[in-house]
Amino acid sequence: MLTGAYIKTKNKITIKIIKDRSITPEILNRARNILKDMLKSDMIIEFDIVDKIEKEHSGKFRVVVSDLEEKHT
């Protein structure tokens, strides 16, 4: 099961998971709870079940894609 994370805002992350019969709502809820505990955050965690995850132009998969602007300190 290949996954990728898409960060839209500071408060929301969407995790793409390639469709698999073993993925159940219970598994997704358990994964969401584990991630919330790990992140120590009230971040909204959504799952998007997809047929495939697109590769970059380089032919590689990006594990994390972020729309957040970089802040330079």
Protein backbone atom coordinates (compact mmCIF):
# COMPACT_ATOMS: atom_id res chain seq x y z
CA MET A 1 0.00 0.00 0.00
CA LEU A 2 1.67 3.17 -1.23
CA THR A 3 0.81 6.43 0.47
CA GLY A 4 1.55 10.11 0.10
CA ALA A 5 0.74 13.10 2.29
CA TYR A 6 -0.63 16.36 0.92
CA ILE A 7 -0.40 19.33 3.29
CA LYS A 8 -2.86 22.07 2.27
CA THR A 9 -2.78 24.30 5.36
CA LYS A 10 -1.15 24.33 8.79
CA ASN A 11 -4.28 22.67 10.16
CA LYS A 12 -5.02 20.03 7.52
CA ILE A 13 -3.27 17.06 5.95
CA THR A 14 -4.69 14.68 3.36
CA ILE A 15 -3.11 11.26 3.10
CA LYS A 16 -3.55 9.50 -0.22
CA ILE A 17 -3.71 5.73 -0.03
CA ILE A 18 -3.81 3.41 -3.02
CA LYS A 19 -7.05 1.42 -3.01
CA ASP A 20 -6.77 -1.91 -1.23
CA ARG A 21 -9.54 -4.24 -0.03
CA SER A 22 -7.95 -4.48 3.42
CA ILE A 23 -8.49 -0.75 4.09
CA THR A 24 -11.51 -0.41 6.36
CA PRO A 25 -13.01 2.60 8.15
CA GLU A 26 -11.76 1.10 11.42
CA ILE A 27 -8.18 0.98 10.13
CA LEU A 28 -8.41 4.58 8.90
CA ASN A 29 -9.78 5.77 12.25
CA ARG A 30 -7.00 3.95 14.10
CA ALA A 31 -4.38 5.46 11.78
CA ARG A 32 -5.92 8.94 12.27
CA ASN A 33 -5.74 8.55 16.07
CA ILE A 34 -2.13 7.35 15.96
CA LEU A 35 -1.13 10.28 13.73
CA LYS A 36 -2.89 12.79 16.00
CA ASP A 37 -1.03 11.35 19.00
CA MET A 38 2.29 11.51 17.14
CA LEU A 39 1.74 15.06 15.88
CA LYS A 40 0.46 16.30 19.27
CA SER A 41 -1.94 18.48 17.30
CA ASP A 42 -5.61 19.03 16.54
CA MET A 43 -4.72 18.94 12.85
CA ILE A 44 -7.48 17.68 10.56
CA ILE A 45 -6.35 14.38 9.06
CA GLU A 46 -8.23 13.14 6.00
CA PHE A 47 -7.73 10.05 3.89
CA ASP A 48 -8.20 9.95 0.13
CA ILE A 49 -8.43 6.45 -1.35
CA VAL A 50 -7.10 6.61 -4.92
CA ASP A 51 -6.42 4.22 -7.80
CA LYS A 52 -2.85 5.47 -8.17
CA ILE A 53 -0.46 8.15 -6.96
CA GLU A 54 1.07 10.19 -9.74
CA LYS A 55 4.84 10.36 -10.14
CA GLU A 56 6.75 13.59 -10.50
CA HIS A 57 8.31 14.56 -13.85
CA SER A 58 11.52 12.95 -12.58
CA GLY A 59 9.70 9.61 -12.35
CA LYS A 60 9.87 9.57 -8.54
CA PHE A 61 7.08 9.65 -5.98
CA ARG A 62 6.95 12.56 -3.56
CA VAL A 63 6.09 11.25 -0.12
CA VAL A 64 5.02 14.68 1.14
CA VAL A 65 3.60 17.51 -0.96
CA SER A 66 3.11 20.84 0.79
CA ASP A 67 1.22 23.93 -0.33
CA LEU A 68 2.54 25.88 2.65
CA GLU A 69 4.73 28.86 1.84
CA GLU A 70 8.20 28.68 3.29
CA LYS A 71 8.89 31.24 6.00
CA HIS A 72 12.42 32.52 6.15
CA THR A 73 13.62 33.52 9.59
